[in-house]
């Protein structure tokens, strides 16, 4: 699937949460979760706030509060996964604005680890193969 690099390292591809409309997705393997969403995107997909109690954690730069929620379906291009760990509260609500994109989704480790992923920078393509994860 095609991807674009924005800024010095932001990998952006097209994906979908809960089989909703296709939209830009920040791809970053740094988190332990499958999908992170902004509050705006969470409300659009699920309506009400998650019922899970907020948890505390640490990012690279700050202490954070986040909530877990189940993701039934998430896709990047034609690659779809089911039953992922979603989180609300770790995605910078203003990252998209700073990059000039409507960016409300982040695909991370729990999604990517299910595949062998190849980044082909010369042709700006992501390649997914069945992995051992």
C-alpha atoms as a PDB file:
ATOM      1  CA  UNK A   1       0.000   0.000   0.000  1.00  0.00           C
ATOM      2  CA  UNK A   2       1.254   3.519  -0.639  1.00  0.00           C
ATOM      3  CA  UNK A   3       2.518   5.658   2.213  1.00  0.00           C
ATOM      4  CA  UNK A   4       3.891   9.157   2.569  1.00  0.00           C
ATOM      5  CA  UNK A   5       6.536  10.501   4.894  1.00  0.00           C
ATOM      6  CA  UNK A   6       5.574  13.836   6.418  1.00  0.00           C
ATOM      7  CA  UNK A   7       8.131  15.954   8.224  1.00  0.00           C
ATOM      8  CA  UNK A   8      11.241  14.090   9.231  1.00  0.00           C
ATOM      9  CA  UNK A   9       9.699  10.727  10.178  1.00  0.00           C
ATOM     10  CA  UNK A  10       5.900  10.617  10.222  1.00  0.00           C
ATOM     11  CA  UNK A  11       4.688   7.677   8.120  1.00  0.00           C
ATOM     12  CA  UNK A  12       1.136   8.244   6.904  1.00  0.00           C
ATOM     13  CA  UNK A  13      -1.017   5.596   5.179  1.00  0.00           C
ATOM     14  CA  UNK A  14      -4.757   5.256   4.561  1.00  0.00           C
ATOM     15  CA  UNK A  15      -6.851   3.135   6.902  1.00  0.00           C
ATOM     16  CA  UNK A  16     -10.216   2.620   8.513  1.00  0.00           C
ATOM     17  CA  UNK A  17     -11.527   2.179  12.064  1.00  0.00           C
ATOM     18  CA  UNK A  18     -14.525  -0.130  12.542  1.00  0.00           C
ATOM     19  CA  UNK A  19     -15.022  -0.248   8.747  1.00  0.00           C
ATOM     20  CA  UNK A  20     -15.699   3.489   8.694  1.00  0.00           C
ATOM     21  CA  UNK A  21     -14.551   5.857   5.972  1.00  0.00           C
ATOM     22  CA  UNK A  22     -10.938   5.708   4.780  1.00  0.00           C
ATOM     23  CA  UNK A  23      -8.731   8.339   6.384  1.00  0.00           C
ATOM     24  CA  UNK A  24      -5.057   9.139   7.035  1.00  0.00           C
ATOM     25  CA  UNK A  25      -3.378   6.993   9.705  1.00  0.00           C
ATOM     26  CA  UNK A  26      -0.085   7.695  11.466  1.00  0.00           C
ATOM     27  CA  UNK A  27       1.927   4.434  11.465  1.00  0.00           C
ATOM     28  CA  UNK A  28       4.322   4.109  14.416  1.00  0.00           C
ATOM     29  CA  UNK A  29       5.424   0.893  16.110  1.00  0.00           C
ATOM     30  CA  UNK A  30       6.413   2.641  19.353  1.00  0.00           C
ATOM     31  CA  UNK A  31       3.255   1.907  21.365  1.00  0.00           C
ATOM     32  CA  UNK A  32       2.184  -1.438  22.828  1.00  0.00           C
ATOM     33  CA  UNK A  33      -1.434  -0.945  21.753  1.00  0.00           C
ATOM     34  CA  UNK A  34      -3.026  -1.649  18.380  1.00  0.00           C
ATOM     35  CA  UNK A  35      -4.767   1.628  17.604  1.00  0.00           C
ATOM     36  CA  UNK A  36      -4.775   5.026  19.294  1.00  0.00           C
ATOM     37  CA  UNK A  37      -7.469   7.558  18.508  1.00  0.00           C
ATOM     38  CA  UNK A  38      -8.175  11.191  19.237  1.00  0.00           C
ATOM     39  CA  UNK A  39     -11.250  11.999  21.294  1.00  0.00           C
ATOM     40  CA  UNK A  40     -12.954  13.444  18.206  1.00  0.00           C
ATOM     41  CA  UNK A  41     -12.430  10.204  16.243  1.00  0.00           C
ATOM     42  CA  UNK A  42     -13.520   8.049  19.185  1.00  0.00           C
ATOM     43  CA  UNK A  43     -16.810   9.942  19.486  1.00  0.00           C
ATOM     44  CA  UNK A  44     -17.416   9.609  15.747  1.00  0.00           C
ATOM     45  CA  UNK A  45     -16.918   5.822  15.834  1.00  0.00           C
ATOM     46  CA  UNK A  46     -18.457   4.898  19.185  1.00  0.00           C
ATOM     47  CA  UNK A  47     -20.537   7.846  20.401  1.00  0.00           C
ATOM     48  CA  UNK A  48     -20.173   7.616  24.168  1.00  0.00           C
ATOM     49  CA  UNK A  49     -16.911   7.644  26.152  1.00  0.00           C
ATOM     50  CA  UNK A  50     -15.239   4.302  26.945  1.00  0.00           C
ATOM     51  CA  UNK A  51     -16.403   2.636  30.133  1.00  0.00           C
ATOM     52  CA  UNK A  52     -12.928   1.529  31.243  1.00  0.00           C
ATOM     53  CA  UNK A  53     -11.367   3.325  34.198  1.00  0.00           C
ATOM     54  CA  UNK A  54      -8.592   5.727  33.206  1.00  0.00           C
ATOM     55  CA  UNK A  55      -5.087   4.369  33.685  1.00  0.00           C
ATOM     56  CA  UNK A  56      -1.843   6.247  34.258  1.00  0.00           C
ATOM     57  CA  UNK A  57       1.264   5.728  32.198  1.00  0.00           C
ATOM     58  CA  UNK A  58       4.312   7.494  30.853  1.00  0.00           C
ATOM     59  CA  UNK A  59       5.163   8.621  27.364  1.00  0.00           C
ATOM     60  CA  UNK A  60       8.630   9.652  26.254  1.00  0.00           C
ATOM     61  CA  UNK A  61       7.956  13.185  27.490  1.00  0.00           C
ATOM     62  CA  UNK A  62       5.164  13.172  30.080  1.00  0.00           C
ATOM     63  CA  UNK A  63       2.897  11.331  32.471  1.00  0.00           C
ATOM     64  CA  UNK A  64      -0.402  10.506  30.730  1.00  0.00           C
ATOM     65  CA  UNK A  65      -3.898   9.269  31.506  1.00  0.00           C
ATOM     66  CA  UNK A  66      -5.507   6.930  28.997  1.00  0.00           C
ATOM     67  CA  UNK A  67      -8.448   4.567  28.593  1.00  0.00           C
ATOM     68  CA  UNK A  68      -8.466   1.203  26.859  1.00  0.00           C
ATOM     69  CA  UNK A  69     -11.294   0.052  24.603  1.00  0.00           C
ATOM     70  CA  UNK A  70     -11.843  -2.880  22.239  1.00  0.00           C
ATOM     71  CA  UNK A  71     -11.461  -2.364  18.493  1.00  0.00           C
ATOM     72  CA  UNK A  72     -13.470  -4.881  16.480  1.00  0.00           C
ATOM     73  CA  UNK A  73     -11.937  -4.032  13.097  1.00  0.00           C
ATOM     74  CA  UNK A  74      -9.084  -1.867  11.887  1.00  0.00           C
ATOM     75  CA  UNK A  75      -7.466  -1.785   8.466  1.00  0.00           C
ATOM     76  CA  UNK A  76      -4.576  -0.223   6.613  1.00  0.00           C
ATOM     77  CA  UNK A  77      -5.324  -0.454   2.925  1.00  0.00           C
ATOM     78  CA  UNK A  78      -6.604  -3.994   2.295  1.00  0.00           C
ATOM     79  CA  UNK A  79      -4.948  -5.398   5.441  1.00  0.00           C
ATOM     80  CA  UNK A  80      -7.503  -5.838   8.214  1.00  0.00           C
ATOM     81  CA  UNK A  81      -7.190  -7.031  11.827  1.00  0.00           C
ATOM     82  CA  UNK A  82      -9.840  -7.858  14.382  1.00  0.00           C
ATOM     83  CA  UNK A  83      -9.928  -7.684  18.176  1.00  0.00           C
ATOM     84  CA  UNK A  84      -7.249  -5.069  18.778  1.00  0.00           C
ATOM     85  CA  UNK A  85      -6.422  -3.105  21.905  1.00  0.00           C
ATOM     86  CA  UNK A  86      -7.469   0.522  21.377  1.00  0.00           C
ATOM     87  CA  UNK A  87      -6.420   3.459  23.543  1.00  0.00           C
ATOM     88  CA  UNK A  88      -7.778   6.943  24.012  1.00  0.00           C
ATOM     89  CA  UNK A  89      -5.611   9.650  25.528  1.00  0.00           C
ATOM     90  CA  UNK A  90      -2.130   8.900  24.160  1.00  0.00           C
ATOM     91  CA  UNK A  91      -2.543  10.402  20.691  1.00  0.00           C
ATOM     92  CA  UNK A  92      -1.636  14.085  20.457  1.00  0.00           C
ATOM     93  CA  UNK A  93      -4.917  15.762  19.503  1.00  0.00           C
ATOM     94  CA  UNK A  94      -3.015  18.509  17.651  1.00  0.00           C
ATOM     95  CA  UNK A  95      -0.451  16.437  15.716  1.00  0.00           C
ATOM     96  CA  UNK A  96      -2.580  16.486  12.573  1.00  0.00           C
ATOM     97  CA  UNK A  97      -2.955  20.251  12.715  1.00  0.00           C
ATOM     98  CA  UNK A  98       0.815  20.685  12.998  1.00  0.00           C
ATOM     99  CA  UNK A  99       1.331  18.382   9.997  1.00  0.00           C
ATOM    100  CA  UNK A 100      -1.490  19.961   7.967  1.00  0.00           C
ATOM    101  CA  UNK A 101      -3.586  16.767   7.973  1.00  0.00           C
ATOM    102  CA  UNK A 102      -6.884  15.589   9.399  1.00  0.00           C
ATOM    103  CA  UNK A 103      -5.084  12.942  11.476  1.00  0.00           C
ATOM    104  CA  UNK A 104      -6.994  11.126  14.227  1.00  0.00           C
ATOM    105  CA  UNK A 105      -5.735   7.511  14.099  1.00  0.00           C
ATOM    106  CA  UNK A 106      -2.430   5.868  14.970  1.00  0.00           C
ATOM    107  CA  UNK A 107      -1.611   2.242  14.101  1.00  0.00           C
ATOM    108  CA  UNK A 108       0.970   0.730  16.433  1.00  0.00           C
ATOM    109  CA  UNK A 109       2.616  -2.465  17.668  1.00  0.00           C
ATOM    110  CA  UNK A 110      -0.388  -4.729  18.357  1.00  0.00           C
ATOM    111  CA  UNK A 111      -1.525  -4.186  14.753  1.00  0.00           C
ATOM    112  CA  UNK A 112       1.891  -4.160  13.037  1.00  0.00           C
ATOM    113  CA  UNK A 113       3.327  -7.128  14.965  1.00  0.00           C
ATOM    114  CA  UNK A 114       0.807  -9.467  13.359  1.00  0.00           C
ATOM    115  CA  UNK A 115       2.651  -9.091  10.051  1.00  0.00           C
ATOM    116  CA  UNK A 116       6.086  -8.983   8.528  1.00  0.00           C
ATOM    117  CA  UNK A 117       6.147  -5.354   7.361  1.00  0.00           C
ATOM    118  CA  UNK A 118       8.534  -3.965   4.757  1.00  0.00           C
ATOM    119  CA  UNK A 119       8.932  -0.236   4.215  1.00  0.00           C
ATOM    120  CA  UNK A 120      10.052   0.362   0.625  1.00  0.00           C
ATOM    121  CA  UNK A 121      11.114   4.010   0.732  1.00  0.00           C
ATOM    122  CA  UNK A 122      12.229   4.111  -2.911  1.00  0.00           C
ATOM    123  CA  UNK A 123       8.667   3.425  -4.112  1.00  0.00           C
ATOM    124  CA  UNK A 124       6.799   4.687  -0.993  1.00  0.00           C
ATOM    125  CA  UNK A 125       5.093   1.342  -0.451  1.00  0.00           C
ATOM    126  CA  UNK A 126       4.323  -0.669   2.671  1.00  0.00           C
ATOM    127  CA  UNK A 127       4.307  -4.438   2.148  1.00  0.00           C
ATOM    128  CA  UNK A 128       2.499  -6.742   4.573  1.00  0.00           C
ATOM    129  CA  UNK A 129       3.021 -10.514   4.696  1.00  0.00           C
ATOM    130  CA  UNK A 130       1.582 -13.023   7.111  1.00  0.00           C
ATOM    131  CA  UNK A 131       3.833 -12.891  10.124  1.00  0.00           C
ATOM    132  CA  UNK A 132       4.590 -14.983  13.125  1.00  0.00           C
ATOM    133  CA  UNK A 133       2.924 -12.460  15.479  1.00  0.00           C
END
